[in-house]
């Protein structure tokens, strides 16, 4: 699955990931490849695992995430 992570008009990360974890107002959510279409507000943290690398963590104040299972877009504010 491809992740595009944007903060303040700047791409923080764009690449293939095997997992994305987000904190939402309703709890934690893990997004894996081929996830059903999903959109939610992020509040707190987003972490992602680039293919072949270790988990990366980004602390944020607020944001939104959308996936169709193939591409995941996250727009955040630190």
C-alpha atoms as a PDB file:
ATOM      1  CA  UNK A   1       0.000   0.000   0.000  1.00  0.00           C
ATOM      2  CA  UNK A   2       1.279   3.475  -0.793  1.00  0.00           C
ATOM      3  CA  UNK A   3       1.230   6.166   1.913  1.00  0.00           C
ATOM      4  CA  UNK A   4       1.272   9.872   1.140  1.00  0.00           C
ATOM      5  CA  UNK A   5       1.773  11.861   4.363  1.00  0.00           C
ATOM      6  CA  UNK A   6       1.415  15.632   4.019  1.00  0.00           C
ATOM      7  CA  UNK A   7       1.991  18.366   6.612  1.00  0.00           C
ATOM      8  CA  UNK A   8       1.715  22.076   5.849  1.00  0.00           C
ATOM      9  CA  UNK A   9       1.901  21.689   2.045  1.00  0.00           C
ATOM     10  CA  UNK A  10       5.022  19.523   2.399  1.00  0.00           C
ATOM     11  CA  UNK A  11       5.284  15.788   1.871  1.00  0.00           C
ATOM     12  CA  UNK A  12       6.734  14.158   4.970  1.00  0.00           C
ATOM     13  CA  UNK A  13       6.687  10.704   3.415  1.00  0.00           C
ATOM     14  CA  UNK A  14       5.625   9.055   0.179  1.00  0.00           C
ATOM     15  CA  UNK A  15       6.260   5.376  -0.341  1.00  0.00           C
ATOM     16  CA  UNK A  16       5.152   1.803   0.181  1.00  0.00           C
ATOM     17  CA  UNK A  17       4.181   0.715   3.684  1.00  0.00           C
ATOM     18  CA  UNK A  18       3.047  -2.571   5.178  1.00  0.00           C
ATOM     19  CA  UNK A  19       1.061  -1.042   8.072  1.00  0.00           C
ATOM     20  CA  UNK A  20      -0.271   2.284   9.343  1.00  0.00           C
ATOM     21  CA  UNK A  21      -1.473   2.855  12.923  1.00  0.00           C
ATOM     22  CA  UNK A  22      -3.439   5.961  13.872  1.00  0.00           C
ATOM     23  CA  UNK A  23      -4.988   7.291  17.056  1.00  0.00           C
ATOM     24  CA  UNK A  24      -8.536   8.490  16.472  1.00  0.00           C
ATOM     25  CA  UNK A  25     -11.158  10.032  18.717  1.00  0.00           C
ATOM     26  CA  UNK A  26     -12.707   6.548  18.979  1.00  0.00           C
ATOM     27  CA  UNK A  27      -9.518   4.566  19.642  1.00  0.00           C
ATOM     28  CA  UNK A  28      -6.583   3.125  17.722  1.00  0.00           C
ATOM     29  CA  UNK A  29      -6.935   1.854  14.149  1.00  0.00           C
ATOM     30  CA  UNK A  30      -4.515  -0.250  12.094  1.00  0.00           C
ATOM     31  CA  UNK A  31      -4.682   0.062   8.324  1.00  0.00           C
ATOM     32  CA  UNK A  32      -3.222  -2.777   6.267  1.00  0.00           C
ATOM     33  CA  UNK A  33      -2.955  -3.264   2.492  1.00  0.00           C
ATOM     34  CA  UNK A  34      -6.349  -3.935   0.846  1.00  0.00           C
ATOM     35  CA  UNK A  35      -8.190  -2.325   3.774  1.00  0.00           C
ATOM     36  CA  UNK A  36     -11.796  -1.431   3.053  1.00  0.00           C
ATOM     37  CA  UNK A  37     -12.314   2.243   2.101  1.00  0.00           C
ATOM     38  CA  UNK A  38     -11.996   4.251   5.305  1.00  0.00           C
ATOM     39  CA  UNK A  39     -11.752   7.880   6.400  1.00  0.00           C
ATOM     40  CA  UNK A  40     -11.325   9.267   9.910  1.00  0.00           C
ATOM     41  CA  UNK A  41      -9.990  12.163  11.931  1.00  0.00           C
ATOM     42  CA  UNK A  42      -6.575  11.555  13.517  1.00  0.00           C
ATOM     43  CA  UNK A  43      -5.850  12.878  16.994  1.00  0.00           C
ATOM     44  CA  UNK A  44      -2.442  12.305  18.486  1.00  0.00           C
ATOM     45  CA  UNK A  45      -0.067  10.053  16.573  1.00  0.00           C
ATOM     46  CA  UNK A  46       0.406   8.285  13.289  1.00  0.00           C
ATOM     47  CA  UNK A  47       2.939   5.521  12.837  1.00  0.00           C
ATOM     48  CA  UNK A  48       3.795   3.652   9.679  1.00  0.00           C
ATOM     49  CA  UNK A  49       6.068   0.798   8.676  1.00  0.00           C
ATOM     50  CA  UNK A  50       7.900   1.343   5.387  1.00  0.00           C
ATOM     51  CA  UNK A  51       8.396  -1.916   3.493  1.00  0.00           C
ATOM     52  CA  UNK A  52      11.693  -3.416   4.685  1.00  0.00           C
ATOM     53  CA  UNK A  53      12.206  -0.870   7.479  1.00  0.00           C
ATOM     54  CA  UNK A  54      11.286  -0.205  11.107  1.00  0.00           C
ATOM     55  CA  UNK A  55       8.158   1.570  12.329  1.00  0.00           C
ATOM     56  CA  UNK A  56       8.275   5.388  12.079  1.00  0.00           C
ATOM     57  CA  UNK A  57       6.295   7.612  14.484  1.00  0.00           C
ATOM     58  CA  UNK A  58       4.981  11.144  13.859  1.00  0.00           C
ATOM     59  CA  UNK A  59       3.403  13.155  16.692  1.00  0.00           C
ATOM     60  CA  UNK A  60       0.638  15.391  15.385  1.00  0.00           C
ATOM     61  CA  UNK A  61      -2.019  17.669  16.813  1.00  0.00           C
ATOM     62  CA  UNK A  62      -4.793  16.863  14.340  1.00  0.00           C
ATOM     63  CA  UNK A  63      -5.361  15.451  10.874  1.00  0.00           C
ATOM     64  CA  UNK A  64      -7.388  13.274   8.544  1.00  0.00           C
ATOM     65  CA  UNK A  65      -6.613   9.972   6.873  1.00  0.00           C
ATOM     66  CA  UNK A  66      -8.284   8.271   3.910  1.00  0.00           C
ATOM     67  CA  UNK A  67      -7.563   4.947   2.255  1.00  0.00           C
ATOM     68  CA  UNK A  68      -9.074   2.936  -0.552  1.00  0.00           C
ATOM     69  CA  UNK A  69      -6.890  -0.048   0.356  1.00  0.00           C
ATOM     70  CA  UNK A  70      -4.287   0.710  -2.304  1.00  0.00           C
ATOM     71  CA  UNK A  71      -3.315   4.313  -1.523  1.00  0.00           C
ATOM     72  CA  UNK A  72      -3.559   6.046   1.836  1.00  0.00           C
ATOM     73  CA  UNK A  73      -3.586   9.851   2.131  1.00  0.00           C
ATOM     74  CA  UNK A  74      -2.908  11.520   5.489  1.00  0.00           C
ATOM     75  CA  UNK A  75      -3.034  15.291   5.910  1.00  0.00           C
ATOM     76  CA  UNK A  76      -1.774  16.364   9.323  1.00  0.00           C
ATOM     77  CA  UNK A  77      -0.803  19.385  11.402  1.00  0.00           C
ATOM     78  CA  UNK A  78       2.073  19.079  13.868  1.00  0.00           C
END
